[in-house]
Amino acid sequence: MTLFITLGMSFVMSFAMVAINVGFTDYFFIAWMRGWAIGLAIGMPTSMVVMRLSKKMVSALTGVELR
């Protein structure tokens, strides 16, 4: 599940950031794919850590053990 969430979020966020910062130029697609690759490389390990910490925090607050 974490993989698919990270793929989707990095895809959409990289599109938005490249569109804002670069605009729709001739090299937009290349800049977007480069940004997506970097975002994915950073986002995947980050999401794994955040997911584990989030589950622990929710379990501590609710008393319900999450998988």
C-alpha atoms as a PDB file:
ATOM      1  CA  MET A   1       0.000   0.000   0.000  1.00  0.00           C
ATOM      2  CA  THR A   2       2.818   2.413   0.866  1.00  0.00           C
ATOM      3  CA  LEU A   3       4.345   1.907  -2.591  1.00  0.00           C
ATOM      4  CA  PHE A   4       1.145   2.866  -4.407  1.00  0.00           C
ATOM      5  CA  ILE A   5       0.488   5.874  -2.197  1.00  0.00           C
ATOM      6  CA  THR A   6       4.057   7.104  -2.708  1.00  0.00           C
ATOM      7  CA  LEU A   7       3.857   6.559  -6.475  1.00  0.00           C
ATOM      8  CA  GLY A   8       0.624   8.515  -6.758  1.00  0.00           C
ATOM      9  CA  MET A   9       1.568  11.366  -4.469  1.00  0.00           C
ATOM     10  CA  SER A  10       5.034  11.870  -5.937  1.00  0.00           C
ATOM     11  CA  PHE A  11       3.558  11.773  -9.465  1.00  0.00           C
ATOM     12  CA  VAL A  12       0.963  14.470  -8.767  1.00  0.00           C
ATOM     13  CA  MET A  13       3.166  16.634  -6.564  1.00  0.00           C
ATOM     14  CA  SER A  14       6.088  16.609  -8.997  1.00  0.00           C
ATOM     15  CA  PHE A  15       3.701  17.614 -11.806  1.00  0.00           C
ATOM     16  CA  ALA A  16       2.386  20.540  -9.774  1.00  0.00           C
ATOM     17  CA  MET A  17       5.818  21.730  -8.652  1.00  0.00           C
ATOM     18  CA  VAL A  18       7.333  21.561 -12.143  1.00  0.00           C
ATOM     19  CA  ALA A  19       4.303  23.347 -13.606  1.00  0.00           C
ATOM     20  CA  ILE A  20       4.630  26.122 -11.013  1.00  0.00           C
ATOM     21  CA  ASN A  21       8.410  26.496 -11.132  1.00  0.00           C
ATOM     22  CA  VAL A  22       9.194  25.784 -14.802  1.00  0.00           C
ATOM     23  CA  GLY A  23       5.886  26.253 -16.603  1.00  0.00           C
ATOM     24  CA  PHE A  24       4.696  24.302 -19.607  1.00  0.00           C
ATOM     25  CA  THR A  25       7.826  24.621 -21.714  1.00  0.00           C
ATOM     26  CA  ASP A  26       9.308  22.358 -24.365  1.00  0.00           C
ATOM     27  CA  TYR A  27      11.264  20.442 -21.724  1.00  0.00           C
ATOM     28  CA  PHE A  28       8.370  20.173 -19.239  1.00  0.00           C
ATOM     29  CA  PHE A  29       7.994  16.399 -19.586  1.00  0.00           C
ATOM     30  CA  ILE A  30      11.712  15.738 -19.052  1.00  0.00           C
ATOM     31  CA  ALA A  31      11.803  18.069 -16.036  1.00  0.00           C
ATOM     32  CA  TRP A  32       8.666  16.404 -14.647  1.00  0.00           C
ATOM     33  CA  MET A  33      10.044  12.874 -15.009  1.00  0.00           C
ATOM     34  CA  ARG A  34      13.326  13.948 -13.404  1.00  0.00           C
ATOM     35  CA  GLY A  35      11.458  15.588 -10.540  1.00  0.00           C
ATOM     36  CA  TRP A  36       9.267  12.507 -10.152  1.00  0.00           C
ATOM     37  CA  ALA A  37      12.293  10.200  -9.964  1.00  0.00           C
ATOM     38  CA  ILE A  38      13.906  12.371  -7.289  1.00  0.00           C
ATOM     39  CA  GLY A  39      10.633  12.704  -5.383  1.00  0.00           C
ATOM     40  CA  LEU A  40      10.096   8.954  -5.501  1.00  0.00           C
ATOM     41  CA  ALA A  41      13.625   8.237  -4.279  1.00  0.00           C
ATOM     42  CA  ILE A  42      13.092  10.565  -1.317  1.00  0.00           C
ATOM     43  CA  GLY A  43       9.409   9.828  -0.771  1.00  0.00           C
ATOM     44  CA  MET A  44       9.566   6.033  -0.543  1.00  0.00           C
ATOM     45  CA  PRO A  45      11.900   5.734   2.463  1.00  0.00           C
ATOM     46  CA  THR A  46      10.263   8.750   4.095  1.00  0.00           C
ATOM     47  CA  SER A  47       6.773   7.291   3.745  1.00  0.00           C
ATOM     48  CA  MET A  48       7.903   3.983   5.244  1.00  0.00           C
ATOM     49  CA  VAL A  49       9.280   5.739   8.325  1.00  0.00           C
ATOM     50  CA  VAL A  50       6.297   8.078   8.665  1.00  0.00           C
ATOM     51  CA  MET A  51       3.839   5.182   8.250  1.00  0.00           C
ATOM     52  CA  ARG A  52       5.438   3.230  11.108  1.00  0.00           C
ATOM     53  CA  LEU A  53       5.583   6.265  13.386  1.00  0.00           C
ATOM     54  CA  SER A  54       1.980   7.163  12.570  1.00  0.00           C
ATOM     55  CA  LYS A  55       0.767   3.666  13.416  1.00  0.00           C
ATOM     56  CA  LYS A  56       2.585   3.770  16.752  1.00  0.00           C
ATOM     57  CA  MET A  57       1.144   7.182  17.595  1.00  0.00           C
ATOM     58  CA  VAL A  58      -2.408   6.156  16.668  1.00  0.00           C
ATOM     59  CA  SER A  59      -2.075   2.957  18.683  1.00  0.00           C
ATOM     60  CA  ALA A  60      -0.800   4.899  21.687  1.00  0.00           C
ATOM     61  CA  LEU A  61      -3.661   7.402  21.462  1.00  0.00           C
ATOM     62  CA  THR A  62      -6.476   4.927  20.816  1.00  0.00           C
ATOM     63  CA  GLY A  63      -5.242   1.730  22.448  1.00  0.00           C
ATOM     64  CA  VAL A  64      -6.027  -0.147  19.229  1.00  0.00           C
ATOM     65  CA  GLU A  65      -3.207  -2.164  17.680  1.00  0.00           C
ATOM     66  CA  LEU A  66      -2.868  -1.448  13.937  1.00  0.00           C
ATOM     67  CA  ARG A  67      -1.255  -3.774  11.417  1.00  0.00           C
END
